[in-house]
N, C-alpha and C. Protein backbone atom coordinates (compact mmCIF):
# COMPACT_ATOMS: atom_id res chain seq x y z
N MET A 1 0.55 19.13 47.82
CA MET A 1 0.51 19.00 46.36
C MET A 1 -0.58 18.27 45.96
N ALA A 2 -1.37 18.62 45.18
CA ALA A 2 -2.75 17.68 45.00
C ALA A 2 -2.25 16.85 43.85
N SER A 3 -3.01 15.17 43.94
CA SER A 3 -2.87 14.57 43.33
C SER A 3 -3.38 14.50 41.72
N ARG A 4 -3.05 13.58 41.02
CA ARG A 4 -3.31 13.97 39.47
C ARG A 4 -4.37 12.87 39.00
N LYS A 5 -5.33 13.50 38.43
CA LYS A 5 -6.40 12.17 38.06
C LYS A 5 -5.97 11.45 36.97
N THR A 6 -6.16 10.72 36.33
CA THR A 6 -5.76 9.57 35.45
C THR A 6 -6.01 10.01 34.12
N GLY A 7 -6.79 11.24 33.89
CA GLY A 7 -6.88 11.53 32.55
C GLY A 7 -6.28 13.04 32.42
N ASP A 8 -6.47 13.17 30.90
CA ASP A 8 -5.81 14.62 30.77
C ASP A 8 -5.91 15.59 31.46
N SER A 9 -5.57 17.09 30.96
CA SER A 9 -6.64 17.67 31.78
C SER A 9 -6.49 18.73 30.33
N ALA A 10 -8.11 19.33 30.40
CA ALA A 10 -8.78 19.74 29.10
C ALA A 10 -8.48 21.03 29.47
N PRO A 11 -8.28 22.39 28.62
CA PRO A 11 -8.94 23.71 28.92
C PRO A 11 -10.00 23.66 29.71
N GLY A 12 -9.52 25.02 30.66
CA GLY A 12 -10.50 25.04 31.92
C GLY A 12 -10.35 24.15 32.82
N GLY A 13 -9.84 22.99 33.12
CA GLY A 13 -9.51 22.34 34.34
C GLY A 13 -10.57 21.01 33.75
N ALA A 14 -10.95 21.04 33.31
CA ALA A 14 -12.15 19.98 32.96
C ALA A 14 -11.55 18.42 32.67
N THR A 15 -11.35 17.22 33.29
CA THR A 15 -10.77 15.92 32.58
C THR A 15 -10.93 15.70 31.94
N ARG A 16 -9.73 14.73 30.84
CA ARG A 16 -10.59 13.85 29.95
C ARG A 16 -10.28 12.22 30.29
N SER A 17 -11.00 11.39 29.82
CA SER A 17 -10.51 9.96 30.08
C SER A 17 -9.52 9.70 29.44
N PRO A 18 -8.64 8.26 30.06
CA PRO A 18 -7.46 8.18 29.54
C PRO A 18 -7.89 7.42 28.04
N ARG A 19 -8.90 6.81 27.90
CA ARG A 19 -9.15 6.50 26.50
C ARG A 19 -9.02 7.76 25.65
N ALA A 20 -9.50 8.79 26.04
CA ALA A 20 -10.15 9.92 24.65
C ALA A 20 -8.23 10.15 24.86
N ALA A 21 -7.00 10.21 26.13
CA ALA A 21 -5.89 10.43 25.59
C ALA A 21 -5.41 9.57 24.51
N THR A 22 -5.34 8.30 25.22
CA THR A 22 -4.88 7.15 23.89
C THR A 22 -5.48 7.35 22.93
N ALA A 23 -6.57 7.63 22.16
CA ALA A 23 -7.08 8.11 21.26
C ALA A 23 -5.86 9.32 20.51
N ARG A 24 -5.60 10.01 20.90
CA ARG A 24 -5.03 11.16 20.41
C ARG A 24 -3.89 10.78 19.89
N ARG A 25 -2.91 10.50 21.19
CA ARG A 25 -1.67 9.72 20.29
C ARG A 25 -1.99 9.05 19.22
N VAL A 26 -2.89 7.76 19.21
CA VAL A 26 -2.83 7.41 17.93
C VAL A 26 -2.95 7.90 16.50
N ALA A 27 -3.77 8.73 17.20
CA ALA A 27 -4.10 9.97 16.03
C ALA A 27 -2.91 10.41 15.37
N THR A 28 -1.81 10.79 16.42
CA THR A 28 -0.77 11.69 15.55
C THR A 28 0.30 10.99 15.75
N ALA A 29 0.25 9.30 15.52
CA ALA A 29 1.55 8.77 15.66
C ALA A 29 2.41 8.86 14.61
N PRO A 30 3.51 9.45 14.70
CA PRO A 30 4.50 9.58 13.30
C PRO A 30 4.49 8.44 12.54
N LEU A 31 4.45 9.16 11.61
CA LEU A 31 5.07 8.29 9.73
C LEU A 31 6.15 7.30 9.98
N PRO A 32 6.02 6.03 10.06
CA PRO A 32 7.83 5.64 9.45
C PRO A 32 7.86 6.69 8.78
N THR A 33 9.42 6.86 8.93
CA THR A 33 10.88 7.88 8.25
C THR A 33 10.19 7.54 6.88
N SER A 34 10.60 6.40 6.24
CA SER A 34 10.53 6.07 4.67
C SER A 34 9.44 6.55 4.05
N MET A 35 8.00 6.67 4.61
CA MET A 35 7.28 7.25 4.03
C MET A 35 7.14 9.18 4.23
N VAL A 36 7.68 9.23 5.32
CA VAL A 36 7.70 11.06 5.30
C VAL A 36 8.59 11.34 4.19
N THR A 37 9.68 10.82 3.50
CA THR A 37 10.58 11.22 3.29
C THR A 37 10.48 11.08 1.51
N GLY A 38 8.98 10.35 1.14
CA GLY A 38 8.90 10.07 0.08
C GLY A 38 9.49 8.35 -0.46
N LYS A 39 9.83 8.03 0.22
CA LYS A 39 10.88 6.16 -0.28
C LYS A 39 9.84 5.26 0.44
N ALA A 40 10.02 4.34 -0.39
CA ALA A 40 8.62 2.95 -0.15
C ALA A 40 9.48 3.05 1.51
N SER A 41 8.63 1.50 2.25
CA SER A 41 9.07 1.37 3.06
C SER A 41 10.78 0.63 3.60
N THR A 42 10.98 0.56 4.42
CA THR A 42 12.01 -0.50 4.61
C THR A 42 11.95 -2.12 4.82
N ALA A 43 10.61 -2.50 4.26
CA ALA A 43 10.23 -3.83 4.62
C ALA A 43 11.25 -4.23 3.81
N LYS A 44 11.81 -5.71 4.19
CA LYS A 44 12.91 -6.87 3.71
C LYS A 44 12.25 -7.33 2.46
N ALA A 45 12.77 -7.72 1.83
CA ALA A 45 12.44 -8.11 0.29
C ALA A 45 12.33 -10.00 0.43
N ALA A 46 10.58 -10.60 0.34
CA ALA A 46 10.43 -11.48 0.63
C ALA A 46 9.30 -11.97 -0.46
N VAL A 47 9.44 -13.13 -0.81
CA VAL A 47 8.37 -13.73 -1.77
C VAL A 47 7.39 -14.50 -0.91
N GLY A 48 6.30 -14.64 -1.30
CA GLY A 48 4.92 -15.12 -0.65
C GLY A 48 3.67 -14.16 0.08
N ASP A 49 2.47 -14.64 -0.26
CA ASP A 49 1.85 -13.93 0.37
C ASP A 49 1.84 -12.87 2.27
N ALA A 50 2.72 -14.88 2.57
CA ALA A 50 2.63 -13.96 4.74
C ALA A 50 3.48 -12.23 4.28
N PRO A 51 4.53 -12.56 3.29
CA PRO A 51 5.30 -11.28 3.63
C PRO A 51 4.64 -10.33 3.28
N ALA A 52 3.81 -10.08 2.14
CA ALA A 52 2.96 -9.18 1.64
C ALA A 52 2.20 -8.66 2.74
N LEU A 53 1.93 -9.66 3.08
CA LEU A 53 0.29 -9.07 4.14
C LEU A 53 0.47 -8.33 5.38
N ALA A 54 1.83 -8.60 5.56
CA ALA A 54 2.25 -8.20 6.89
C ALA A 54 2.85 -6.87 6.69
N TYR A 55 3.64 -6.13 5.68
CA TYR A 55 3.56 -5.19 4.62
C TYR A 55 2.60 -4.48 5.02
N ILE A 56 2.18 -4.69 4.35
CA ILE A 56 -0.15 -3.93 4.36
C ILE A 56 -0.09 -3.86 5.58
N ALA A 57 0.03 -4.76 6.60
CA ALA A 57 -0.55 -4.50 8.14
C ALA A 57 -0.17 -3.79 8.70
N SER A 58 1.29 -3.49 8.00
CA SER A 58 2.48 -2.42 8.99
C SER A 58 2.01 -1.01 8.89
N LEU A 59 1.40 -1.25 7.80
CA LEU A 59 1.20 0.48 7.38
C LEU A 59 0.09 1.02 8.40
N PRO A 60 0.48 2.87 8.01
CA PRO A 60 -0.45 3.36 9.15
C PRO A 60 -1.87 3.74 8.54
N GLN A 61 -2.82 3.64 8.90
CA GLN A 61 -4.26 4.54 8.58
C GLN A 61 -4.32 5.80 7.44
N PRO A 62 -4.83 6.34 7.02
CA PRO A 62 -5.72 5.19 5.98
C PRO A 62 -4.89 4.89 4.85
N GLN A 63 -3.43 4.76 4.19
CA GLN A 63 -3.09 3.86 3.68
C GLN A 63 -3.19 2.46 3.75
N ARG A 64 -3.19 1.53 5.27
CA ARG A 64 -3.29 0.37 5.07
C ARG A 64 -5.05 0.04 4.66
N GLY A 65 -6.12 0.91 4.86
CA GLY A 65 -7.08 0.63 4.26
C GLY A 65 -6.92 0.62 2.32
N ILE A 66 -6.79 1.25 2.57
CA ILE A 66 -6.28 1.66 1.10
C ILE A 66 -5.38 0.40 0.45
N ALA A 67 -4.67 0.20 0.70
CA ALA A 67 -3.78 -1.16 0.66
C ALA A 67 -4.37 -2.51 0.62
N GLU A 68 -5.04 -2.55 1.55
CA GLU A 68 -5.85 -3.44 2.23
C GLU A 68 -7.73 -4.39 1.02
N ARG A 69 -7.94 -2.88 0.51
CA ARG A 69 -8.36 -2.87 -0.55
C ARG A 69 -8.14 -3.58 -2.01
N ILE A 70 -7.15 -2.57 -2.30
CA ILE A 70 -6.47 -2.90 -3.86
C ILE A 70 -6.07 -4.38 -3.15
N ASP A 71 -5.31 -5.16 -2.49
CA ASP A 71 -4.69 -6.75 -2.04
C ASP A 71 -6.31 -7.54 -3.08
N ARG A 72 -7.33 -6.91 -1.73
CA ARG A 72 -8.68 -7.39 -2.02
C ARG A 72 -9.13 -7.95 -3.20
N LEU A 73 -8.94 -6.94 -3.83
CA LEU A 73 -9.36 -6.73 -5.46
C LEU A 73 -8.74 -7.72 -6.22
N ALA A 74 -6.85 -6.99 -6.38
CA ALA A 74 -6.03 -8.36 -6.95
C ALA A 74 -6.94 -9.60 -6.46
N ALA A 75 -6.51 -10.30 -5.57
CA ALA A 75 -6.75 -11.64 -4.92
C ALA A 75 -8.30 -12.18 -6.22
N ALA A 76 -9.28 -11.04 -6.10
CA ALA A 76 -10.91 -11.55 -6.30
C ALA A 76 -10.31 -11.85 -8.23
N THR A 77 -9.87 -10.63 -8.51
CA THR A 77 -9.70 -10.78 -10.09
C THR A 77 -8.40 -11.71 -10.81
N LEU A 78 -7.96 -11.95 -9.98
CA LEU A 78 -6.53 -12.53 -11.12
C LEU A 78 -6.18 -14.26 -10.19
N PRO A 79 -6.82 -15.05 -10.63
CA PRO A 79 -6.67 -16.72 -10.53
C PRO A 79 -4.89 -16.38 -10.62
N GLY A 80 -4.75 -17.76 -9.86
CA GLY A 80 -3.57 -17.95 -8.95
C GLY A 80 -1.99 -16.72 -9.03
N LEU A 81 -3.06 -15.63 -8.35
CA LEU A 81 -1.95 -14.23 -7.71
C LEU A 81 -1.25 -15.08 -7.10
N GLU A 82 0.43 -14.27 -7.24
CA GLU A 82 1.36 -14.35 -6.45
C GLU A 82 1.76 -13.32 -6.00
N ARG A 83 2.20 -13.10 -4.53
CA ARG A 83 2.30 -11.36 -3.65
C ARG A 83 4.05 -11.93 -3.33
N SER A 84 4.29 -10.56 -3.35
CA SER A 84 5.75 -10.15 -2.68
C SER A 84 6.55 -9.16 -1.98
N VAL A 85 7.42 -9.22 -1.27
CA VAL A 85 7.47 -7.84 -0.84
C VAL A 85 9.54 -7.39 -1.70
N LYS A 86 9.53 -6.57 -2.59
CA LYS A 86 10.15 -5.88 -3.46
C LYS A 86 10.48 -4.35 -3.20
N TRP A 87 11.29 -4.32 -2.83
CA TRP A 87 11.85 -2.45 -2.85
C TRP A 87 10.70 -2.19 -1.88
N GLY A 88 10.95 -2.49 -0.80
CA GLY A 88 9.19 -1.78 -0.13
C GLY A 88 8.26 -1.78 -0.35
N MET A 89 7.66 -2.52 -1.37
CA MET A 89 6.57 -2.45 -1.94
C MET A 89 5.94 -4.05 -1.77
N ALA A 90 4.58 -3.87 -2.03
CA ALA A 90 4.36 -5.76 -1.69
C ALA A 90 3.85 -5.06 -3.85
N TYR A 91 4.30 -6.11 -4.37
CA TYR A 91 4.43 -7.07 -5.56
C TYR A 91 3.25 -7.39 -6.22
N TYR A 92 2.67 -7.93 -6.98
CA TYR A 92 2.20 -8.78 -7.41
C TYR A 92 2.07 -9.35 -8.54
N GLY A 93 1.74 -10.95 -9.28
CA GLY A 93 2.17 -11.15 -9.92
C GLY A 93 1.68 -12.51 -11.06
N VAL A 94 1.00 -12.98 -12.07
CA VAL A 94 0.56 -14.22 -12.81
C VAL A 94 1.36 -14.60 -13.54
N GLY A 95 1.78 -15.56 -13.45
CA GLY A 95 2.35 -16.05 -14.70
C GLY A 95 4.24 -16.10 -14.43
N ASP A 96 4.62 -15.48 -15.38
CA ASP A 96 6.08 -15.17 -15.14
C ASP A 96 6.98 -14.25 -14.72
N GLY A 97 6.02 -13.38 -14.09
CA GLY A 97 7.15 -12.56 -13.29
C GLY A 97 6.12 -11.65 -13.06
N TRP A 98 6.85 -10.15 -12.43
CA TRP A 98 5.56 -9.54 -11.24
C TRP A 98 4.81 -8.14 -12.57
N CYS A 99 3.69 -7.70 -11.77
CA CYS A 99 3.50 -7.13 -13.05
C CYS A 99 2.72 -5.69 -12.75
N PHE A 100 2.44 -5.65 -10.83
CA PHE A 100 2.29 -4.24 -10.44
C PHE A 100 2.53 -4.29 -8.98
N CYS A 101 2.67 -3.13 -8.15
CA CYS A 101 3.08 -2.97 -7.11
C CYS A 101 1.98 -2.36 -6.42
N CYS A 102 1.85 -1.78 -5.42
CA CYS A 102 1.16 -1.27 -4.30
C CYS A 102 1.89 -1.16 -2.88
N GLY A 103 2.25 0.28 -2.68
CA GLY A 103 3.18 0.82 -1.56
C GLY A 103 2.27 2.57 -1.14
N GLY A 104 3.14 2.07 0.13
CA GLY A 104 2.09 3.45 1.18
C GLY A 104 3.08 4.42 1.43
N PHE A 105 2.79 5.40 0.89
CA PHE A 105 3.45 6.70 1.08
C PHE A 105 2.81 8.03 2.02
N ASP A 106 3.37 8.65 2.34
CA ASP A 106 3.02 10.31 3.24
C ASP A 106 1.90 10.34 2.52
N GLY A 107 0.23 9.95 2.70
CA GLY A 107 -0.58 11.33 2.26
C GLY A 107 -1.25 10.04 1.25
N HIS A 108 -0.40 9.09 0.13
CA HIS A 108 -1.07 8.16 -0.51
C HIS A 108 -0.73 6.93 -0.12
N VAL A 109 -1.07 6.37 -1.32
CA VAL A 109 -0.55 5.06 -1.95
C VAL A 109 -0.90 4.54 -3.27
N LYS A 110 0.61 4.44 -3.97
CA LYS A 110 0.83 4.24 -5.21
C LYS A 110 0.36 3.09 -5.70
N LEU A 111 -0.31 3.05 -6.52
CA LEU A 111 -0.44 1.18 -7.49
C LEU A 111 0.42 1.69 -8.50
N MET A 112 1.14 0.84 -8.91
CA MET A 112 2.10 1.16 -10.13
C MET A 112 1.94 -0.19 -10.81
N PHE A 113 1.59 0.04 -12.60
CA PHE A 113 2.19 -1.19 -13.36
C PHE A 113 2.75 -1.04 -13.96
N VAL A 114 3.71 -2.07 -14.08
CA VAL A 114 5.19 -2.40 -14.67
C VAL A 114 4.82 -2.23 -16.03
N ASN A 115 5.13 -1.79 -16.97
CA ASN A 115 4.98 -1.96 -18.33
C ASN A 115 3.19 -1.22 -18.70
N GLY A 116 3.42 0.06 -18.05
CA GLY A 116 1.94 0.43 -18.01
C GLY A 116 1.24 1.18 -18.94
N VAL A 117 2.25 1.76 -19.85
CA VAL A 117 2.15 2.20 -21.12
C VAL A 117 1.66 1.66 -21.65
N THR A 118 1.73 0.42 -21.92
CA THR A 118 0.88 -0.39 -22.95
C THR A 118 -0.86 -0.83 -22.74
N LEU A 119 -0.94 0.03 -21.51
CA LEU A 119 -2.71 -0.10 -21.02
C LEU A 119 -3.44 1.00 -21.69
N ASP A 120 -4.75 0.17 -21.75
CA ASP A 120 -5.61 1.30 -22.47
C ASP A 120 -6.53 1.76 -21.03
N PRO A 121 -7.07 2.52 -20.81
CA PRO A 121 -6.38 4.04 -21.09
C PRO A 121 -5.06 3.43 -20.77
N VAL A 122 -4.29 4.28 -20.97
CA VAL A 122 -2.61 4.40 -19.83
C VAL A 122 -3.01 5.08 -18.59
N PRO A 123 -2.78 4.83 -17.69
CA PRO A 123 -3.09 4.93 -16.42
C PRO A 123 -2.32 6.55 -15.86
N PRO A 124 -2.97 7.68 -15.42
CA PRO A 124 -2.37 8.64 -15.54
C PRO A 124 -1.10 9.47 -14.53
N VAL A 125 -0.39 8.39 -13.56
CA VAL A 125 0.57 8.74 -12.94
C VAL A 125 1.92 8.17 -13.48
N THR A 126 2.97 9.30 -14.24
CA THR A 126 4.31 8.67 -14.69
C THR A 126 5.13 8.91 -13.04
N PRO A 127 5.70 7.25 -11.95
CA PRO A 127 6.37 7.77 -10.94
C PRO A 127 8.01 7.95 -11.13
N VAL A 128 8.26 8.63 -10.30
CA VAL A 128 9.57 9.26 -10.14
C VAL A 128 10.68 7.63 -10.14
N ALA A 129 11.70 7.24 -10.71
CA ALA A 129 12.47 6.33 -10.46
C ALA A 129 11.76 4.85 -10.37
N MET A 130 10.78 4.80 -11.39
CA MET A 130 10.41 3.04 -11.10
C MET A 130 10.24 2.71 -12.83
N GLY A 131 11.56 3.62 -13.54
CA GLY A 131 11.18 2.96 -15.07
C GLY A 131 10.36 3.50 -15.94
N LYS A 132 11.06 3.98 -17.09
CA LYS A 132 10.06 4.69 -17.92
C LYS A 132 8.76 4.28 -18.01
N SER A 133 8.79 3.10 -18.16
CA SER A 133 7.64 2.32 -18.68
C SER A 133 6.44 2.39 -17.87
N THR A 134 6.45 2.52 -16.54
CA THR A 134 5.75 2.68 -15.36
C THR A 134 4.71 3.36 -15.36
N ARG A 135 3.27 2.83 -15.18
CA ARG A 135 2.35 4.16 -14.69
C ARG A 135 1.73 3.67 -13.95
N GLY A 136 0.82 4.45 -13.67
CA GLY A 136 -0.27 4.06 -12.47
C GLY A 136 -1.04 5.18 -11.93
N VAL A 137 -1.55 5.30 -10.55
CA VAL A 137 -2.18 6.17 -9.54
C VAL A 137 -1.94 6.21 -8.49
N GLU A 138 -1.96 7.08 -8.02
CA GLU A 138 -2.01 7.44 -6.32
C GLU A 138 -3.38 7.96 -5.88
N LEU A 139 -3.63 7.18 -4.71
CA LEU A 139 -4.55 6.80 -4.27
C LEU A 139 -4.54 7.66 -2.38
N VAL A 140 -5.58 8.43 -1.76
CA VAL A 140 -5.49 9.16 -0.78
C VAL A 140 -6.65 8.61 0.06
N ARG A 141 -7.77 8.28 -0.66
CA ARG A 141 -8.74 7.85 0.20
C ARG A 141 -9.44 6.77 -0.37
N LEU A 142 -10.28 5.56 -0.02
CA LEU A 142 -10.37 4.54 -0.51
C LEU A 142 -11.78 5.17 -1.41
N ALA A 143 -11.80 6.31 -1.29
CA ALA A 143 -13.34 6.58 -1.74
C ALA A 143 -12.85 6.88 -3.59
N ASP A 144 -11.28 6.79 -3.07
CA ASP A 144 -10.75 7.31 -4.88
C ASP A 144 -10.20 6.07 -5.65
N ILE A 145 -10.88 4.77 -4.93
CA ILE A 145 -10.30 3.50 -5.40
C ILE A 145 -11.69 3.02 -6.64
N ASP A 146 -11.52 3.18 -7.98
CA ASP A 146 -12.63 3.09 -9.00
C ASP A 146 -11.89 1.97 -9.55
N ARG A 147 -12.91 0.44 -9.12
CA ARG A 147 -12.86 -0.64 -9.42
C ARG A 147 -12.85 -1.12 -10.65
N HIS A 148 -13.56 -0.70 -11.49
CA HIS A 148 -13.78 -0.31 -12.99
C HIS A 148 -12.13 -0.73 -13.92
N PRO A 149 -11.70 0.58 -14.14
CA PRO A 149 -10.37 0.95 -14.31
C PRO A 149 -9.22 0.06 -13.97
N LEU A 150 -8.97 0.30 -12.49
CA LEU A 150 -8.09 -0.92 -11.54
C LEU A 150 -8.50 -2.72 -11.97
N VAL A 151 -9.44 -2.85 -12.17
CA VAL A 151 -9.40 -4.26 -12.52
C VAL A 151 -9.74 -4.60 -13.91
N ALA A 152 -9.78 -3.83 -14.89
CA ALA A 152 -9.23 -3.36 -16.24
C ALA A 152 -7.75 -3.66 -16.01
N TRP A 153 -7.44 -2.88 -15.50
CA TRP A 153 -5.98 -2.40 -15.80
C TRP A 153 -5.30 -3.88 -15.19
N MET A 154 -5.47 -4.12 -14.42
CA MET A 154 -4.76 -5.91 -13.69
C MET A 154 -4.81 -6.77 -14.61
N GLN A 155 -6.33 -6.67 -14.48
CA GLN A 155 -6.14 -8.11 -15.89
C GLN A 155 -5.42 -7.95 -17.51
N GLN A 156 -5.08 -6.71 -17.80
CA GLN A 156 -4.53 -6.00 -18.88
C GLN A 156 -3.11 -6.61 -18.47
N ILE A 157 -2.38 -6.10 -17.33
CA ILE A 157 -1.18 -6.26 -17.36
C ILE A 157 -0.68 -8.17 -16.97
N CYS A 158 -1.32 -8.54 -16.59
CA CYS A 158 -0.93 -9.84 -16.03
C CYS A 158 -1.15 -10.56 -17.24
N ALA A 159 -2.12 -10.00 -18.19
CA ALA A 159 -1.92 -11.14 -19.43
C ALA A 159 -0.70 -11.18 -20.10
N GLN A 160 0.24 -10.02 -19.93
CA GLN A 160 1.29 -9.61 -20.83
C GLN A 160 2.52 -10.26 -20.03
N PRO A 161 3.56 -10.27 -20.46
CA PRO A 161 4.82 -10.93 -19.73
C PRO A 161 5.12 -10.66 -18.38
N GLY A 162 5.54 -10.37 -17.28
CA GLY A 162 6.07 -9.87 -16.12
C GLY A 162 7.21 -9.65 -15.72
N VAL A 163 7.94 -8.74 -15.04
CA VAL A 163 9.25 -8.69 -14.94
C VAL A 163 10.07 -8.92 -13.97
N GLY A 164 11.32 -9.78 -14.03
CA GLY A 164 11.92 -10.02 -12.77
C GLY A 164 11.52 -11.87 -13.25
N GLN A 165 11.92 -12.72 -12.26
CA GLN A 165 12.06 -13.56 -11.91
C GLN A 165 11.33 -14.08 -10.62
N ARG A 166 10.45 -14.66 -10.47
CA ARG A 166 9.72 -15.41 -9.10
C ARG A 166 9.84 -16.12 -8.91
N ARG A 167 10.46 -16.74 -7.91
CA ARG A 167 11.31 -18.08 -6.85
C ARG A 167 9.71 -19.01 -6.10
N SER A 168 9.23 -19.64 -6.61
CA SER A 168 8.22 -20.51 -5.95
C SER A 168 8.80 -22.07 -6.62
N GLY A 169 7.92 -22.43 -5.98
CA GLY A 169 7.67 -23.80 -5.36
C GLY A 169 7.40 -24.37 -6.70
N LYS A 170 6.65 -23.91 -7.71
CA LYS A 170 6.02 -24.36 -8.58
C LYS A 170 7.42 -24.73 -9.80
N SER A 171 7.11 -25.93 -10.76
CA SER A 171 8.23 -25.84 -11.77
C SER A 171 7.88 -25.79 -13.23
């Protein structure tokens, strides 16, 4: 019996390197079940930068890259930004409540603004099961991020009262 080489066999008997085999496995890694079913992730609710950044880091590409860019944009735009994980998505707020969220789903990232109907212009997407006044955008690629309207919406929504209470060490 012939011994098998460490690389995978390609059509025609050629061998592939172990690195190529690993790259194929990574590229075809299954998405978390929650992302395939259209639900937000199963990430546990927690307040603070660390849980929100860990949630973003747990997303597969390209969702991770999109969520990282949104997070950096929010941090650069909004002084005093606070983060949290709620309902399986990263939530952001400044002041007295949560104002917008960012979550990875199968094939896209949702960036949703609580009370988004008050924004000018109103973001185009009305999400399912996120409240009647929530509006946002669905981003498929990094190139879909249009900085100007996103920054304007972040600034507008954070100038309004947020929703829910944030637990923080501040008085």
